[in-house]
Protein backbone atom coordinates (compact mmCIF):
# COMPACT_ATOMS: atom_id res chain seq x y z
CA MET A 1 -49.12 218.42 59.53
CA ARG A 2 -52.07 219.90 57.63
CA VAL A 3 -52.58 220.93 54.02
CA GLN A 4 -54.79 223.69 52.66
CA TRP A 5 -56.57 222.73 49.46
CA ASN A 6 -57.73 225.01 46.65
CA THR A 7 -61.48 224.62 46.06
CA HIS A 8 -61.89 227.23 43.33
CA LYS A 9 -61.77 224.42 40.78
CA GLU A 10 -63.83 221.31 40.59
CA ASN A 11 -60.79 219.11 41.29
CA LEU A 12 -58.95 219.90 44.50
CA VAL A 13 -55.27 220.84 44.11
CA PRO A 14 -52.84 221.34 47.01
CA LEU A 15 -51.75 224.94 47.42
CA ARG A 16 -49.13 224.35 50.08
CA GLY A 17 -47.93 221.77 52.54
CA ARG A 18 -44.57 220.12 52.55
CA SER A 19 -43.40 216.90 54.06
CA SER A 20 -40.60 216.76 56.63
CA TYR A 21 -38.19 216.17 53.72
CA GLY A 22 -39.14 219.41 51.97
CA LYS A 23 -41.05 217.75 49.12
CA ASN A 24 -44.51 218.61 47.89
CA VAL A 25 -46.87 216.22 49.67
CA ALA A 26 -48.83 215.38 46.57
CA SER A 27 -45.75 214.37 44.59
CA ALA A 28 -44.02 212.70 47.50
CA ILE A 29 -46.94 210.60 48.72
CA LEU A 30 -49.65 210.30 46.09
CA PRO A 31 -48.53 207.80 43.43
CA GLY A 32 -48.74 208.63 39.75
CA ASP A 33 -52.28 209.05 38.42
CA LEU A 34 -54.69 209.48 41.31
CA SER A 35 -57.32 207.65 39.29
CA HIS A 36 -55.49 204.46 40.26
CA ALA A 37 -55.81 205.36 43.93
CA LYS A 38 -59.51 206.13 44.02
CA CYS A 39 -59.14 209.84 43.58
CA ASP A 40 -62.81 210.24 44.47
CA LEU A 41 -61.56 210.22 48.06
CA PHE A 42 -60.19 213.69 47.39
CA MET A 43 -62.89 215.16 45.15
CA ARG A 44 -65.19 217.52 47.00
CA LYS A 45 -67.73 219.96 45.58
CA GLY A 46 -69.43 222.95 47.08
CA ASN A 47 -68.44 226.19 48.62
CA ASP A 48 -68.51 224.76 52.14
CA MET A 49 -65.00 223.36 51.48
CA ASN A 50 -63.40 226.76 50.89
CA ASN A 51 -60.25 227.23 53.01
CA ALA A 52 -60.79 223.78 54.60
CA ASN A 53 -57.94 222.16 56.43
CA ILE A 54 -57.61 218.44 55.79
CA ASN A 55 -55.56 216.14 58.01
CA ILE A 56 -52.79 214.69 55.83
CA GLU A 57 -52.49 211.46 57.86
CA THR A 58 -56.11 210.64 57.07
CA ILE A 59 -55.49 211.28 53.38
CA VAL A 60 -52.38 209.11 53.26
CA ARG A 61 -54.11 206.28 55.13
CA GLN A 62 -57.00 206.37 52.66
CA VAL A 63 -54.63 206.33 49.69
CA LEU A 64 -52.71 203.36 51.06
CA GLU A 65 -55.92 201.46 51.75
CA SER A 66 -57.16 202.16 48.24
CA LEU A 67 -53.86 201.00 46.76
CA SER A 68 -54.24 197.72 48.60
CA GLU A 69 -57.79 197.38 47.28
CA ASN A 70 -56.55 197.95 43.74
CA GLY A 71 -54.24 194.94 43.89
CA LYS A 72 -50.92 196.51 44.74
CA ASN A 73 -49.54 193.22 46.02
CA GLY A 74 -46.91 193.47 48.69
CA ALA A 75 -47.48 197.16 49.40
CA GLU A 76 -46.67 197.68 53.03
CA SER A 77 -46.46 201.04 54.74
CA LYS A 78 -47.19 202.66 58.06
CA LEU A 79 -47.15 206.11 59.59
CA THR A 80 -44.41 206.42 62.20
CA GLY A 81 -43.47 210.08 61.95
CA SER A 82 -42.12 209.33 58.47
CA VAL A 83 -43.97 207.61 55.64
CA ASN A 84 -42.38 204.22 54.98
CA ARG A 85 -42.33 203.49 51.29
CA ALA A 86 -44.16 200.52 49.85
CA VAL A 87 -41.98 197.41 49.73
CA PRO A 88 -42.65 193.93 48.38
CA LEU A 89 -43.12 190.86 50.53
CA THR A 90 -39.98 189.19 49.18
CA ALA A 91 -36.47 190.16 48.09
CA LYS A 92 -34.11 188.70 45.52
CA VAL A 93 -30.50 187.88 46.39
CA ALA A 94 -27.59 186.56 44.36
CA MET A 95 -26.38 183.72 46.55
CA LEU A 96 -23.05 182.05 45.92
CA THR A 97 -24.08 178.41 46.29
CA ALA A 98 -20.92 176.75 44.94
CA LEU A 99 -17.57 177.75 43.50
CA GLU A 100 -18.12 180.00 40.48
CA LYS A 101 -21.90 179.68 40.78
CA TYR A 102 -24.35 182.34 41.88
CA GLU A 103 -28.07 181.57 41.99
CA ILE A 104 -30.86 184.12 42.19
CA LYS A 105 -33.00 183.21 45.19
CA GLU A 106 -36.04 184.85 46.72
CA PHE A 107 -36.67 185.21 50.45
CA PRO A 108 -39.35 186.89 52.57
CA ILE A 109 -38.51 190.36 53.79
CA PRO A 110 -38.63 190.05 57.59
CA SER A 111 -40.38 192.44 59.91
CA ILE A 112 -38.32 195.52 60.73
CA GLY A 113 -37.13 195.83 64.32
CA ASP A 114 -37.16 199.09 66.22
CA ASN A 115 -33.44 199.63 65.49
CA ASP A 116 -33.32 198.18 61.97
CA ILE A 117 -33.21 199.79 58.53
CA LEU A 118 -34.46 198.26 55.28
CA VAL A 119 -32.56 199.54 52.24
CA LYS A 120 -33.50 199.22 48.57
CA VAL A 121 -30.18 198.42 46.92
CA GLU A 122 -29.17 200.66 44.00
CA GLY A 123 -25.72 199.31 43.22
CA CYS A 124 -22.64 197.49 44.50
CA GLY A 125 -19.08 197.26 43.25
CA ILE A 126 -17.35 193.93 42.68
CA CYS A 127 -14.21 193.68 44.82
CA GLY A 128 -11.16 191.48 44.48
CA THR A 129 -12.29 189.81 47.70
CA ASP A 130 -15.53 188.83 45.95
CA ALA A 131 -13.47 187.34 43.12
CA HIS A 132 -11.42 185.25 45.58
CA GLU A 133 -14.58 184.02 47.26
CA PHE A 134 -16.14 183.26 43.86
CA LYS A 135 -13.18 181.13 42.79
CA ASN A 136 -11.87 179.58 46.00
CA ASP A 137 -14.09 180.41 49.01
CA PRO A 138 -11.07 181.16 51.25
CA PHE A 139 -13.36 182.35 54.07
CA ARG A 140 -15.49 179.16 53.94
CA LEU A 141 -18.70 181.18 53.66
CA ILE A 142 -20.60 179.30 50.92
CA PRO A 143 -23.61 179.56 50.75
CA VAL A 144 -23.35 183.33 51.08
CA VAL A 145 -24.74 186.61 49.77
CA LEU A 146 -21.67 188.69 48.98
CA GLY A 147 -21.29 192.38 48.09
CA HIS A 148 -19.73 194.89 50.52
CA GLU A 149 -19.28 197.95 48.26
CA GLY A 150 -22.98 198.71 48.14
CA THR A 151 -25.36 201.62 48.53
CA GLY A 152 -29.06 202.21 48.39
CA GLU A 153 -32.10 204.08 49.63
CA ILE A 154 -33.85 203.73 52.97
CA VAL A 155 -37.40 202.46 52.41
CA LYS A 156 -38.28 201.45 55.95
CA MET A 157 -36.80 202.08 59.38
CA GLY A 158 -37.48 201.24 63.00
CA LYS A 159 -38.94 203.82 65.34
CA ASN A 160 -35.67 204.21 67.27
CA VAL A 161 -33.56 205.05 64.22
CA ARG A 162 -32.88 208.78 64.14
CA LYS A 163 -29.23 209.44 63.20
CA ASP A 164 -26.37 207.82 61.33
CA SER A 165 -22.96 206.93 62.77
CA ALA A 166 -21.72 210.50 62.29
CA GLY A 167 -24.73 212.09 63.98
CA LYS A 168 -26.47 213.08 60.75
CA SER A 169 -30.23 212.63 60.66
CA LEU A 170 -31.74 209.66 58.81
CA ASN A 171 -35.07 209.66 57.01
CA ILE A 172 -36.97 207.55 54.54
CA GLY A 173 -35.52 208.22 51.08
CA ASP A 174 -31.99 208.95 52.27
CA LYS A 175 -29.09 207.30 50.44
CA VAL A 176 -26.82 205.28 52.71
CA VAL A 177 -23.74 203.07 52.90
CA THR A 178 -22.66 200.71 55.66
CA SER A 179 -19.26 200.21 57.20
CA MET A 180 -18.90 197.81 60.14
CA ILE A 181 -21.07 195.77 62.48
CA PHE A 182 -19.95 195.90 66.11
CA LYS A 183 -21.58 192.85 67.61
CA ASP A 184 -19.61 192.96 70.84
CA ASN A 185 -19.70 196.72 71.37
CA PRO A 186 -22.70 198.33 69.64
CA GLU A 187 -22.23 201.60 71.57
CA ILE A 188 -18.92 202.42 69.87
CA THR A 189 -18.95 205.48 67.62
CA MET A 190 -16.73 206.74 64.84
CA PHE A 191 -15.01 209.13 67.24
CA ASP A 192 -13.69 206.22 69.34
CA LEU A 193 -12.10 204.50 66.39
CA ASN A 194 -8.68 206.07 66.11
CA LYS A 195 -7.12 202.61 66.15
CA GLN A 196 -9.91 200.05 65.96
CA ASN A 197 -10.67 198.91 62.45
CA VAL A 198 -12.66 196.27 60.66
CA GLY A 199 -10.36 193.50 61.79
CA GLY A 200 -12.41 193.35 64.99
CA ALA A 201 -15.84 193.58 63.39
CA ASP A 202 -18.09 192.14 60.68
CA VAL A 203 -19.02 193.60 57.31
CA TYR A 204 -22.20 193.20 55.30
CA GLY A 205 -21.40 191.07 52.27
CA LEU A 206 -18.97 188.85 54.19
CA LEU A 207 -21.44 187.40 56.71
CA PRO A 208 -22.38 183.72 57.05
CA ASP A 209 -25.86 182.99 55.78
CA ASP A 210 -28.65 182.93 58.38
CA GLU A 211 -32.43 182.86 58.58
CA ILE A 212 -32.68 186.46 57.31
CA HIS A 213 -30.49 185.99 54.19
CA LEU A 214 -30.50 189.73 53.31
CA ASN A 215 -26.91 190.07 54.49
CA GLY A 216 -25.06 191.35 51.42
CA TRP A 217 -25.41 194.09 48.82
CA PHE A 218 -25.69 191.64 45.88
CA ALA A 219 -29.47 191.76 46.34
CA ASP A 220 -32.36 194.11 45.73
CA TYR A 221 -32.91 194.69 49.47
CA ILE A 222 -30.60 194.51 52.49
CA LEU A 223 -31.57 194.58 56.15
CA ILE A 224 -29.30 196.78 58.28
CA ARG A 225 -29.48 195.60 61.86
CA GLU A 226 -28.85 197.04 65.29
CA GLY A 227 -25.16 197.47 66.04
CA SER A 228 -24.31 198.37 62.45
CA SER A 229 -22.61 201.53 61.30
CA VAL A 230 -24.46 203.45 58.60
CA PHE A 231 -23.80 206.78 56.90
CA ASN A 232 -26.15 209.19 55.17
CA VAL A 233 -24.48 210.00 51.82
CA SER A 234 -27.42 211.56 50.01
CA ASP A 235 -25.17 214.36 48.74
CA LEU A 236 -23.14 211.93 46.60
CA ASP A 237 -24.13 210.43 43.24
CA LEU A 238 -24.51 206.67 42.74
CA LYS A 239 -21.05 206.00 41.29
CA SER A 240 -19.36 207.95 44.07
CA ARG A 241 -21.34 206.03 46.67
CA ILE A 242 -20.32 202.68 45.14
CA LEU A 243 -16.67 203.77 45.37
CA ILE A 244 -16.81 204.79 49.05
CA GLU A 245 -15.73 201.44 50.50
CA PRO A 246 -12.63 200.90 48.31
CA CYS A 247 -11.70 204.57 48.70
CA ALA A 248 -11.87 204.20 52.49
CA VAL A 249 -9.30 201.39 52.22
CA LEU A 250 -6.88 203.84 50.61
CA ILE A 251 -7.68 206.71 52.93
CA HIS A 252 -6.69 204.41 55.78
CA ALA A 253 -3.51 203.32 53.97
CA VAL A 254 -2.44 206.92 53.39
CA GLU A 255 -3.13 207.77 57.04
CA ARG A 256 -0.95 204.81 58.03
CA ALA A 257 1.77 206.05 55.68
CA LYS A 258 1.68 209.51 57.24
CA THR A 259 2.55 208.02 60.64
CA THR A 260 6.07 207.32 59.34
CA GLY A 261 6.79 211.02 58.97
CA ILE A 262 8.24 210.30 55.52
CA LEU A 263 5.26 210.96 53.25
CA ARG A 264 5.24 214.69 52.56
CA PHE A 265 3.99 217.24 50.06
CA ASN A 266 7.13 217.00 47.91
CA SER A 267 7.71 213.24 48.25
CA ARG A 268 8.52 210.99 45.31
CA VAL A 269 5.98 208.19 45.53
CA VAL A 270 5.83 204.90 43.64
CA VAL A 271 2.51 203.04 43.48
CA GLN A 272 2.79 199.41 42.42
CA GLY A 273 -0.41 197.81 41.13
CA CYS A 274 -2.87 199.90 39.14
CA GLY A 275 -6.10 198.07 39.66
CA PRO A 276 -8.88 200.06 41.34
CA ILE A 277 -6.98 200.12 44.66
CA GLY A 278 -3.76 201.50 43.18
CA LEU A 279 -5.60 203.99 40.99
CA ILE A 280 -7.54 205.32 43.97
CA CYS A 281 -4.27 205.55 45.88
CA ILE A 282 -2.86 207.77 43.14
CA ALA A 283 -5.98 209.96 43.20
CA ILE A 284 -5.77 210.43 46.97
CA LEU A 285 -2.09 211.37 46.77
CA ARG A 286 -2.92 213.85 44.05
CA THR A 287 -5.66 215.50 46.12
CA MET A 288 -3.05 215.91 48.87
CA GLY A 289 -0.88 217.90 46.48
CA ILE A 290 1.69 215.16 45.83
CA GLU A 291 2.66 215.41 42.17
CA ASN A 292 5.77 213.27 41.72
CA ILE A 293 4.13 209.86 41.32
CA VAL A 294 5.34 206.84 39.32
CA ALA A 295 2.83 204.06 38.59
CA VAL A 296 3.96 200.45 38.03
CA ASP A 297 1.76 197.77 36.46
CA GLY A 298 1.72 195.21 33.64
CA GLU A 299 -1.43 196.41 31.86
CA GLN A 300 -0.97 199.43 29.63
CA LYS A 301 -4.62 200.51 29.77
CA ARG A 302 -4.41 200.74 33.53
CA LEU A 303 -1.17 202.68 33.33
CA ASP A 304 -2.76 205.12 30.89
CA PHE A 305 -5.61 205.69 33.33
CA ALA A 306 -3.10 206.10 36.17
CA LYS A 307 -1.82 209.19 34.39
CA GLN A 308 -5.34 210.57 34.17
CA MET A 309 -5.64 210.03 37.92
CA GLY A 310 -2.48 211.98 38.62
CA ALA A 311 0.62 209.85 37.99
CA GLY A 312 3.40 211.75 36.27
CA HIS A 313 5.16 208.70 34.87
CA SER A 314 4.33 205.04 34.34
CA VAL A 315 6.39 201.84 34.10
CA ASN A 316 5.12 198.67 32.43
CA PHE A 317 7.02 195.86 34.14
CA LYS A 318 6.44 193.59 31.11
CA ASN A 319 8.82 195.81 29.16
CA HIS A 320 11.72 195.28 31.59
CA GLN A 321 13.45 191.97 32.17
CA GLY A 322 14.71 191.39 35.70
CA ILE A 323 14.54 193.43 38.88
CA GLU A 324 17.59 195.55 38.04
CA ALA A 325 16.05 196.74 34.75
CA LEU A 326 12.73 197.38 36.46
CA THR A 327 14.40 199.35 39.26
CA LYS A 328 16.26 201.40 36.65
CA ALA A 329 12.95 202.25 34.95
CA VAL A 330 11.49 203.51 38.23
CA PHE A 331 14.75 205.42 38.93
CA ASP A 332 14.52 207.08 35.51
CA GLY A 333 10.83 207.85 36.05
CA PHE A 334 11.83 210.00 39.03
CA GLY A 335 14.51 211.75 37.00
CA GLY A 336 17.42 209.86 38.50
CA HIS A 337 16.10 209.17 42.00
CA LEU A 338 14.57 206.29 43.92
CA ALA A 339 11.23 206.73 45.68
CA ASP A 340 10.88 208.39 49.07
CA PHE A 341 7.80 206.29 49.72
CA ALA A 342 6.09 203.28 48.13
CA PHE A 343 2.57 201.84 48.20
CA GLN A 344 2.42 198.12 47.39
CA CYS A 345 -1.13 197.51 46.12
CA THR A 346 -0.87 194.08 44.49
CA GLY A 347 -1.62 190.72 46.06
CA SER A 348 1.58 189.32 44.56
CA PRO A 349 4.37 188.05 46.84
CA ALA A 350 6.83 188.76 44.00
CA GLY A 351 5.52 192.32 43.88
CA HIS A 352 6.19 192.70 47.60
CA ALA A 353 9.74 191.39 47.18
CA ASN A 354 10.42 193.81 44.34
CA ILE A 355 9.08 196.97 45.96
CA TYR A 356 12.00 197.40 48.37
CA LYS A 357 14.37 197.90 45.45
CA PHE A 358 12.44 201.00 44.35
CA ILE A 359 12.89 202.83 47.69
CA ARG A 360 15.79 205.05 48.71
CA SER A 361 17.70 204.68 51.96
CA GLY A 362 15.62 206.11 54.78
CA GLY A 363 12.42 205.76 52.76
CA GLY A 364 9.10 204.22 53.66
CA LEU A 365 6.69 201.52 52.52
CA CYS A 366 3.00 200.86 53.07
CA GLU A 367 1.93 197.29 52.26
CA LEU A 368 -1.82 196.98 51.69
CA GLY A 369 -2.20 194.35 48.99
CA PHE A 370 -2.82 191.20 51.00
CA PHE A 371 -6.41 190.84 52.21
CA ILE A 372 -6.11 187.08 51.86
CA ASN A 373 -3.16 184.76 52.28
CA GLY A 374 -1.28 185.18 49.00
CA GLY A 375 1.71 183.09 49.98
CA GLU A 376 5.30 183.67 51.08
CA ALA A 377 7.45 186.55 49.84
CA THR A 378 11.23 186.28 49.68
CA ILE A 379 13.25 189.30 50.78
CA ASN A 380 16.68 189.85 52.21
CA PRO A 381 16.12 191.77 55.47
CA HIS A 382 19.76 192.88 55.55
CA PHE A 383 19.71 194.61 52.16
CA ASP A 384 16.01 195.40 51.85
CA ILE A 385 15.23 196.79 55.32
CA CYS A 386 18.09 197.10 57.78
CA ALA A 387 20.90 198.51 55.64
CA LYS A 388 18.54 201.04 54.09
CA GLU A 389 16.57 201.74 57.31
CA ILE A 390 13.27 201.35 55.52
CA THR A 391 10.20 202.15 57.64
CA VAL A 392 7.42 199.66 56.87
CA VAL A 393 3.75 199.90 57.85
CA GLY A 394 0.92 197.55 57.07
CA SER A 395 -2.63 198.66 56.41
CA TRP A 396 -5.77 196.64 57.09
CA VAL A 397 -9.00 198.01 55.60
CA TYR A 398 -10.32 201.09 57.47
CA THR A 399 -11.88 202.71 60.53
CA LEU A 400 -15.15 204.60 60.73
CA LYS A 401 -13.24 207.87 60.82
CA ASP A 402 -11.71 206.95 57.47
CA TYR A 403 -15.24 206.74 56.04
CA ALA A 404 -15.95 210.32 57.06
CA THR A 405 -12.69 211.45 55.41
CA THR A 406 -13.57 209.48 52.28
CA PHE A 407 -16.70 211.52 51.65
CA ASP A 408 -14.61 214.69 51.55
CA PHE A 409 -11.98 213.04 49.35
CA LEU A 410 -14.54 212.09 46.70
CA LYS A 411 -15.83 215.66 46.56
CA ARG A 412 -12.31 217.05 46.39
CA ALA A 413 -11.25 214.62 43.64
CA LYS A 414 -14.13 215.76 41.47
CA ALA A 415 -13.46 219.41 42.26
CA ILE A 416 -9.92 219.22 40.87
CA GLY A 417 -11.05 217.29 37.79
CA LEU A 418 -9.93 213.74 38.55
CA PRO A 419 -12.07 211.24 36.57
CA ILE A 420 -12.98 209.22 39.64
CA ASP A 421 -16.37 208.14 38.25
CA GLN A 422 -14.66 206.62 35.22
CA LEU A 423 -13.21 203.91 37.45
CA ILE A 424 -16.54 202.12 37.02
CA THR A 425 -16.21 200.88 33.46
CA HIS A 426 -18.74 198.02 33.32
CA GLU A 427 -22.25 197.68 34.76
CA TYR A 428 -24.27 194.46 35.10
CA SER A 429 -27.70 193.50 36.36
CA LEU A 430 -28.15 191.20 39.34
CA GLU A 431 -29.08 188.39 36.98
CA GLN A 432 -25.73 188.84 35.17
CA ILE A 433 -23.65 188.43 38.30
CA ASN A 434 -21.87 185.25 37.19
CA GLU A 435 -20.89 186.92 33.93
CA ALA A 436 -19.72 189.99 35.84
CA HIS A 437 -17.44 187.97 38.12
CA VAL A 438 -15.88 186.12 35.18
CA ALA A 439 -15.21 189.47 33.50
CA ASN A 440 -13.70 190.82 36.72
CA ILE A 441 -11.32 187.87 37.02
CA LYS A 442 -10.27 188.39 33.40
CA MET A 443 -9.54 192.04 34.27
CA GLU A 444 -11.97 193.33 31.67
CA GLY A 445 -12.22 196.97 32.60
CA LEU A 446 -11.33 198.59 35.92
CA LYS A 447 -14.11 198.57 38.50
CA LEU A 448 -17.18 196.47 37.66
CA ALA A 449 -20.51 197.08 39.38
CA ILE A 450 -23.89 195.44 39.82
CA ILE A 451 -26.64 198.02 39.25
CA ILE A 452 -30.09 197.11 40.55
């Protein structure tokens, strides 16, 4: 690409010339005040320069060399069809080194393979799974860099990287999220994943530590490797991007619920558990046009927000003693009816045992609250399932196709006025990650996020 420069003034100014991303070359490539980049490289005098065409690659190379000469430590960039942005030599990670103890560590940023992507992290939500790992390490991962609800900007990419997992082009500067890593079948695409979900794959933020270390989103850089799924989500704002992963969990759950044939437009739906997962569930149901929703939880602030997300009625189980009184409250919330369908979003075995009582004969249940072993639940199969012919489905995380649906859901939720961004109530720096996890365990706020 070539740029024509205006020579009618003493200092040359670009008239036209746009990068492959549609940005003005001067603002996209030349950093700040050109005096810091030896702007004499660009200053030419004399009429012999009128209407001259200057090769932009030569200009960029000179600028980068001058930056290096001026002490821009760690600046590393090359021309490979796209201009890789300057990155430091090292990256910081928040590594969980013991129970309830993160340490900020610094590691070299490795060389980028032909199929790899280096992402500058912008933010990552704190999940309940992170809280379990923080307190108990149920997956036996310590030492580990957690964080799987992350997003950031591509700053460097291998020469073979052209498109994301949905076929959308990828370029330096694009905002991305990751989904799954298919180590055993890297050729699989989102269109093959009608049934295969994350149970058969790995996820960044839940990987054992290795020699690279940049394996989770609780860091300032993450290395996305060959075989990973990645999506270009540059059309979504930061908060929406942070919410993609948990929203995909609920998109998958609702799709599982629809397989029963019971969840319909006019269904009465009870959602038990109004943490971020339950609240997102309510929002998804509302975007589908389902209006008759009863929310059940023990925290009044969460129940109040459930109504903002689309619930028509709420029940605080702390105000009702015993399962019969609680069932009556749900019954009254539906105007004298039990639920047609229920979503059980808590990790409480007692919550699972209770949910059957809220469902009518012939109704349905989607259980999605147990991503770790929460213990045994006591039910009576005769009364709770068989005699009422309850249809039960379980839901385990998501598929790649659910990710694609999630992007549309987030746009739709905003379009109809649901306060989806307000789910993120608290923001912390990477250095405050221990404080953030303690606050998350204490249920201070709804969704907490690390913002880099």
